[in-house]
Amino acid sequence: VRPTGIIEPKITIRPSKNQVDDLLEEIRIRVERKQCILVTTLTKKMAEELTEYYLDLGVKVKYMHSGIDTLERIDIIRGLRKKEFNVLVGINLLREGLDIPEVSLVAILEADKEGFLRSRRSLIQTMGRAARNIEGEVILYADLLTKSMKEAITETDRRREKQIEYNIKYNIDPKSIINELS
């Protein structure tokens, strides 16, 4: 249960066919609202190519993966929070401990590719990156519903219901977290 009252993000599953262009439309909606987007891919190459593609289309986007040193990663996250760019593409770096309240959308590409990066735990942690914003939403791009996806969605729904009950019981009006940058 969060003291802010923010409920778990709404989760949508969409087909992976045309996922890059479908996501582009979602990005444009969030950019219009001055919100940030996290996108997870499965490989460094995919993160770099997706970033390049979106850059060519005028999207303010950067990527982050293990090939980028720690200080540069800190600068990238600060840049996203300061809205120097709107979209951050990464791999597993977008999981634990990354709190960016400005993020309203987390998109998980190839969510149905079972493995470490798409395990129940990884999916829950990645989806949780959208749980700091009152308008938080998650899109899972997948052609089938894996066991990990189903379990992650079930757990997220359970947490959502628990938070809603708590909010009603204690008359909490959810607010997005606002952390000022120094």
Protein backbone atom coordinates (compact mmCIF):
# COMPACT_ATOMS: atom_id res chain seq x y z
CA VAL A 1 0.00 0.00 0.00
CA ARG A 2 1.37 3.39 -1.02
CA PRO A 3 0.83 6.44 1.22
CA THR A 4 0.42 8.52 -1.97
CA GLY A 5 -2.67 6.47 -2.80
CA ILE A 6 -1.48 5.86 -6.36
CA ILE A 7 -2.93 2.62 -7.67
CA GLU A 8 -1.04 0.13 -9.80
CA PRO A 9 -0.97 1.04 -13.48
CA LYS A 10 -3.59 -0.10 -15.96
CA ILE A 11 -2.19 -2.93 -18.09
CA THR A 12 -3.04 -3.45 -21.74
CA ILE A 13 -1.85 -6.28 -23.98
CA ARG A 14 -1.43 -5.45 -27.65
CA PRO A 15 -0.21 -7.55 -30.59
CA SER A 16 3.51 -7.32 -31.30
CA LYS A 17 2.85 -6.81 -35.00
CA ASN A 18 3.37 -3.09 -35.70
CA GLN A 19 4.42 -2.58 -32.05
CA VAL A 20 6.97 0.09 -32.96
CA ASP A 21 4.45 2.23 -34.85
CA ASP A 22 1.67 1.60 -32.32
CA LEU A 23 4.03 2.69 -29.56
CA LEU A 24 4.97 5.79 -31.56
CA GLU A 25 1.33 6.93 -31.39
CA GLU A 26 1.30 6.36 -27.62
CA ILE A 27 4.57 8.29 -27.29
CA ARG A 28 3.08 11.25 -29.17
CA ILE A 29 0.08 11.31 -26.81
CA ARG A 30 2.35 11.34 -23.72
CA VAL A 31 4.72 13.95 -25.19
CA GLU A 32 1.71 16.20 -25.79
CA ARG A 33 0.92 15.85 -22.06
CA LYS A 34 4.58 16.53 -21.15
CA GLN A 35 4.98 13.04 -19.69
CA CYS A 36 7.83 10.53 -19.94
CA ILE A 37 7.91 7.03 -21.37
CA LEU A 38 10.06 4.00 -20.57
CA VAL A 39 10.44 1.30 -23.22
CA THR A 40 12.05 -2.07 -22.57
CA THR A 41 13.57 -4.24 -25.26
CA LEU A 42 15.37 -7.58 -25.04
CA THR A 43 18.74 -6.65 -26.56
CA LYS A 44 21.19 -3.75 -26.71
CA LYS A 45 21.00 -3.81 -30.50
CA MET A 46 17.21 -3.53 -30.43
CA ALA A 47 17.41 -0.64 -27.92
CA GLU A 48 19.88 1.22 -30.13
CA GLU A 49 17.97 0.56 -33.37
CA LEU A 50 14.63 1.57 -31.86
CA THR A 51 16.20 4.76 -30.51
CA GLU A 52 17.69 5.55 -33.92
CA TYR A 53 14.34 4.92 -35.65
CA TYR A 54 12.44 7.20 -33.26
CA LEU A 55 15.16 9.88 -33.47
CA ASP A 56 14.75 9.88 -37.26
CA LEU A 57 11.03 10.53 -36.70
CA GLY A 58 11.74 13.52 -34.45
CA VAL A 59 11.15 11.83 -31.09
CA LYS A 60 13.39 13.04 -28.26
CA VAL A 61 14.72 9.64 -27.16
CA LYS A 62 17.81 8.08 -25.58
CA TYR A 63 18.81 4.55 -24.75
CA MET A 64 20.48 3.10 -21.71
CA HIS A 65 22.09 -0.31 -21.28
CA SER A 66 25.06 -2.02 -19.63
CA GLY A 67 27.42 -0.56 -22.24
CA ILE A 68 26.89 2.89 -20.75
CA ASP A 69 28.91 3.80 -17.66
CA THR A 70 27.28 4.60 -14.34
CA LEU A 71 27.85 8.37 -14.40
CA GLU A 72 26.38 8.65 -17.89
CA ARG A 73 23.37 6.60 -16.77
CA ILE A 74 22.79 9.07 -13.93
CA ASP A 75 22.95 11.95 -16.43
CA ILE A 76 20.51 10.16 -18.76
CA ILE A 77 17.96 9.61 -15.98
CA ARG A 78 18.33 13.22 -14.83
CA GLY A 79 17.82 14.37 -18.44
CA LEU A 80 14.62 12.35 -18.69
CA ARG A 81 13.30 13.75 -15.42
CA LYS A 82 14.15 17.30 -16.56
CA LYS A 83 12.28 16.61 -19.83
CA GLU A 84 15.38 17.16 -21.98
CA PHE A 85 13.98 14.13 -23.83
CA ASN A 86 10.75 12.15 -23.39
CA VAL A 87 11.54 8.50 -24.07
CA LEU A 88 14.11 6.22 -22.47
CA VAL A 89 14.71 2.86 -24.12
CA GLY A 90 16.49 0.20 -22.11
CA ILE A 91 16.75 -3.48 -21.25
CA ASN A 92 16.83 -4.67 -17.64
CA LEU A 93 18.16 -1.38 -16.29
CA LEU A 94 14.60 -0.15 -15.97
CA ARG A 95 13.73 -2.46 -13.10
CA GLU A 96 14.51 -2.20 -9.39
CA GLY A 97 15.28 1.11 -7.77
CA LEU A 98 14.53 3.37 -10.70
CA ASP A 99 11.93 5.86 -9.50
CA ILE A 100 10.96 8.39 -12.12
CA PRO A 101 7.57 9.85 -11.15
CA GLU A 102 7.34 11.69 -14.47
CA VAL A 103 6.87 8.34 -16.28
CA SER A 104 3.25 7.74 -17.25
CA LEU A 105 3.82 4.89 -19.71
CA VAL A 106 5.93 1.76 -19.59
CA ALA A 107 5.99 -0.23 -22.83
CA ILE A 108 7.38 -3.76 -22.75
CA LEU A 109 8.24 -5.00 -26.22
CA GLU A 110 8.19 -8.75 -26.83
CA ALA A 111 6.63 -9.31 -23.41
CA ASP A 112 5.82 -12.91 -24.35
CA LYS A 113 9.45 -13.97 -24.82
CA GLU A 114 9.91 -16.07 -21.66
CA GLY A 115 13.23 -15.73 -19.87
CA PHE A 116 14.97 -13.74 -17.15
CA LEU A 117 13.97 -10.33 -18.57
CA ARG A 118 10.33 -11.41 -18.94
CA SER A 119 9.92 -13.44 -15.74
CA ARG A 120 7.02 -12.75 -13.37
CA ARG A 121 9.32 -10.80 -11.04
CA SER A 122 10.97 -8.78 -13.82
CA LEU A 123 7.61 -7.92 -15.38
CA ILE A 124 6.18 -6.79 -12.02
CA GLN A 125 9.24 -4.62 -11.32
CA THR A 126 9.26 -3.12 -14.80
CA MET A 127 5.52 -2.43 -14.74
CA GLY A 128 5.99 -0.82 -11.33
CA ARG A 129 8.00 1.98 -12.96
CA ALA A 130 4.63 3.40 -14.06
CA ALA A 131 3.25 3.21 -10.51
CA ARG A 132 4.59 6.60 -9.40
CA ASN A 133 2.31 8.55 -11.70
CA ILE A 134 -1.45 8.88 -11.27
CA GLU A 135 -1.85 8.36 -15.04
CA GLY A 136 0.47 5.34 -15.05
CA GLU A 137 -0.16 2.79 -17.77
CA VAL A 138 1.63 -0.31 -19.05
CA ILE A 139 1.45 -1.77 -22.53
CA LEU A 140 2.65 -5.33 -22.99
CA TYR A 141 3.32 -6.09 -26.64
CA ALA A 142 2.78 -9.83 -27.04
CA ASP A 143 1.12 -12.38 -29.28
CA LEU A 144 0.37 -14.84 -26.50
CA LEU A 145 -0.24 -14.70 -22.77
CA THR A 146 2.67 -16.43 -21.01
CA LYS A 147 2.52 -17.85 -17.49
CA SER A 148 4.83 -15.03 -16.31
CA MET A 149 2.62 -12.37 -17.90
CA LYS A 150 -0.53 -13.86 -16.40
CA GLU A 151 1.03 -14.07 -12.92
CA ALA A 152 2.41 -10.52 -13.14
CA ILE A 153 -0.96 -9.14 -14.26
CA THR A 154 -2.77 -11.07 -11.50
CA GLU A 155 -0.38 -9.72 -8.85
CA THR A 156 -0.65 -6.17 -10.18
CA ASP A 157 -4.46 -6.42 -10.17
CA ARG A 158 -4.36 -7.73 -6.57
CA ARG A 159 -2.22 -4.78 -5.50
CA ARG A 160 -4.50 -2.37 -7.37
CA GLU A 161 -7.58 -3.67 -5.52
CA LYS A 162 -5.81 -3.52 -2.16
CA GLN A 163 -4.75 0.10 -2.80
CA ILE A 164 -8.27 1.10 -3.91
CA GLU A 165 -9.74 -0.42 -0.71
CA TYR A 166 -7.13 1.41 1.38
CA ASN A 167 -7.83 4.70 -0.40
CA ILE A 168 -11.57 4.36 0.21
CA LYS A 169 -11.12 3.34 3.86
CA TYR A 170 -8.79 6.26 4.64
CA ASN A 171 -10.35 8.77 2.22
CA ILE A 172 -7.12 9.18 0.23
CA ASP A 173 -7.10 11.16 -3.00
CA PRO A 174 -4.18 9.78 -5.07
CA LYS A 175 -1.51 12.25 -6.14
CA SER A 176 1.50 11.73 -8.38
CA ILE A 177 4.83 11.89 -6.59
CA ILE A 178 6.70 15.10 -7.31
CA ASN A 179 10.41 15.04 -6.56
CA GLU A 180 12.17 18.27 -7.37
CA LEU A 181 15.54 17.91 -9.07
CA SER A 182 18.47 19.86 -7.75
